[in-house]
Amino acid sequence: MKCLDVNAYKIVKSGRPCITDEPIHLSNLIQKMQKNDDFVYWLEPLGAGYTKQIPAVNVNGQFLQPSVKLEKAIFRHIRLTRHFENYELMDDGNKKLRIPIRLWKEKQRTSIKFSVRLELL
């Protein structure tokens, strides 16, 4: 997981800090954060649009960009539907991504594969 400089981003949605024992183990984070996006902070680069937002987790006071494995665990409960829109409106009217772009593309790829297999049967 990569450390992030929060000063280069605007916080779109604050998450919940995670306190763990040192050193940080990915397996412990996955167990704690699985299917729970309350821990996710959504960061938007200054001057960019909502499509450039990235998720981050605050572990022991340090902002980290989650690995693909952790993203998959956190957002496992979100399923793509036929007219899935990968954004939602916040209370203040700003848009926020529902799942990270790289995970959304991965879910699209695998869901297309799944639907093609069904059509072939």
Protein backbone atom coordinates (compact mmCIF):
# COMPACT_ATOMS: atom_id res chain seq x y z
CA MET A 1 0.00 0.00 0.00
CA LYS A 2 1.22 3.44 -0.93
CA CYS A 3 1.41 6.39 1.49
CA LEU A 4 -0.51 9.49 0.37
CA ASP A 5 0.11 13.18 0.98
CA VAL A 6 -3.36 14.40 1.95
CA ASN A 7 -2.39 18.03 1.27
CA ALA A 8 -2.46 17.32 -2.48
CA TYR A 9 -6.11 16.22 -2.29
CA LYS A 10 -9.51 17.51 -1.30
CA ILE A 11 -11.32 15.15 1.07
CA VAL A 12 -14.71 14.45 -0.53
CA LYS A 13 -15.90 12.00 2.13
CA SER A 14 -14.31 11.25 5.46
CA GLY A 15 -14.09 7.70 6.66
CA ARG A 16 -13.37 6.17 10.02
CA PRO A 17 -9.77 5.86 11.22
CA CYS A 18 -8.45 2.36 11.77
CA ILE A 19 -6.15 1.61 14.69
CA THR A 20 -4.11 -1.59 14.47
CA ASP A 21 -1.08 -3.12 16.08
CA GLU A 22 2.29 -2.40 14.54
CA PRO A 23 3.43 -3.65 12.06
CA ILE A 24 0.42 -3.37 9.75
CA HIS A 25 -0.57 -6.70 8.19
CA LEU A 26 -2.75 -6.73 5.09
CA SER A 27 -4.60 -9.85 6.26
CA ASN A 28 -5.65 -8.09 9.49
CA LEU A 29 -6.88 -5.06 7.54
CA ILE A 30 -8.86 -7.27 5.16
CA GLN A 31 -10.58 -9.02 8.06
CA LYS A 32 -11.43 -5.73 9.73
CA MET A 33 -12.56 -3.83 6.61
CA GLN A 34 -14.24 -6.59 4.60
CA LYS A 35 -17.61 -5.40 3.19
CA ASN A 36 -17.32 -2.22 5.25
CA ASP A 37 -16.68 0.99 3.34
CA ASP A 38 -17.04 3.10 6.51
CA PHE A 39 -13.22 3.10 6.71
CA VAL A 40 -12.79 4.63 3.25
CA TYR A 41 -11.85 8.26 2.74
CA TRP A 42 -12.50 9.53 -0.78
CA LEU A 43 -9.80 11.93 -1.98
CA GLU A 44 -9.99 14.08 -5.10
CA PRO A 45 -6.84 15.65 -6.56
CA LEU A 46 -6.98 19.44 -6.37
CA GLY A 47 -8.47 20.85 -9.56
CA ALA A 48 -9.66 17.47 -10.87
CA GLY A 49 -13.14 16.03 -11.33
CA TYR A 50 -14.88 13.23 -9.49
CA THR A 51 -13.64 10.64 -12.00
CA LYS A 52 -10.11 11.11 -10.62
CA GLN A 53 -11.10 10.32 -7.02
CA ILE A 54 -9.17 7.66 -5.17
CA PRO A 55 -9.99 5.75 -2.02
CA ALA A 56 -7.74 5.93 1.01
CA VAL A 57 -7.71 4.39 4.46
CA ASN A 58 -6.37 6.06 7.58
CA VAL A 59 -4.36 3.44 9.44
CA ASN A 60 -2.73 4.59 12.65
CA GLY A 61 -2.89 8.23 11.51
CA GLN A 62 -1.30 7.54 8.13
CA PHE A 63 -3.28 7.79 4.88
CA LEU A 64 -2.69 4.81 2.60
CA GLN A 65 -3.97 3.97 -0.85
CA PRO A 66 -5.39 0.44 -0.54
CA SER A 67 -4.06 -2.40 -2.63
CA VAL A 68 -6.35 -4.05 -5.18
CA LYS A 69 -6.79 -6.97 -2.80
CA LEU A 70 -7.99 -4.68 0.01
CA GLU A 71 -10.26 -2.75 -2.39
CA LYS A 72 -11.87 -6.00 -3.50
CA ALA A 73 -12.51 -6.96 0.11
CA ILE A 74 -13.93 -3.56 1.08
CA PHE A 75 -16.23 -3.17 -1.94
CA ARG A 76 -17.16 -6.87 -2.32
CA HIS A 77 -20.80 -6.20 -1.41
CA ILE A 78 -21.36 -3.77 -4.31
CA ARG A 79 -22.71 -5.58 -7.35
CA LEU A 80 -22.94 -4.19 -10.86
CA THR A 81 -26.44 -4.00 -12.26
CA ARG A 82 -27.56 -3.36 -15.82
CA HIS A 83 -27.67 0.45 -15.39
CA PHE A 84 -24.97 0.79 -12.72
CA GLU A 85 -23.73 4.36 -12.26
CA ASN A 86 -20.37 4.55 -10.53
CA TYR A 87 -21.14 7.73 -8.64
CA GLU A 88 -23.52 8.95 -6.02
CA LEU A 89 -24.55 12.41 -4.92
CA MET A 90 -23.43 13.58 -1.52
CA ASP A 91 -25.65 15.68 0.76
CA ASP A 92 -23.78 18.81 -0.31
CA GLY A 93 -24.48 18.09 -4.01
CA ASN A 94 -20.97 16.88 -4.92
CA LYS A 95 -20.46 13.60 -6.75
CA LYS A 96 -18.53 10.75 -5.16
CA LEU A 97 -17.46 7.49 -6.74
CA ARG A 98 -19.16 4.36 -5.40
CA ILE A 99 -16.17 2.10 -6.08
CA PRO A 100 -12.64 2.89 -7.30
CA ILE A 101 -12.23 3.21 -11.08
CA ARG A 102 -9.73 0.33 -11.36
CA LEU A 103 -12.06 -1.97 -9.40
CA TRP A 104 -15.06 -0.82 -11.45
CA LYS A 105 -13.22 -1.71 -14.68
CA GLU A 106 -12.29 -5.11 -13.23
CA LYS A 107 -15.90 -5.77 -12.18
CA GLN A 108 -17.10 -4.74 -15.65
CA ARG A 109 -14.62 -7.09 -17.29
CA THR A 110 -15.60 -10.05 -15.16
CA SER A 111 -19.33 -9.35 -15.40
CA ILE A 112 -19.09 -9.21 -19.21
CA LYS A 113 -17.30 -12.55 -19.19
CA PHE A 114 -20.01 -14.01 -16.97
CA SER A 115 -22.87 -12.76 -19.18
CA VAL A 116 -21.13 -14.04 -22.35
CA ARG A 117 -20.77 -17.51 -20.82
CA LEU A 118 -24.48 -17.58 -19.99
CA GLU A 119 -25.40 -16.65 -23.55
CA LEU A 120 -23.23 -19.44 -24.95
CA LEU A 121 -24.95 -22.12 -22.84
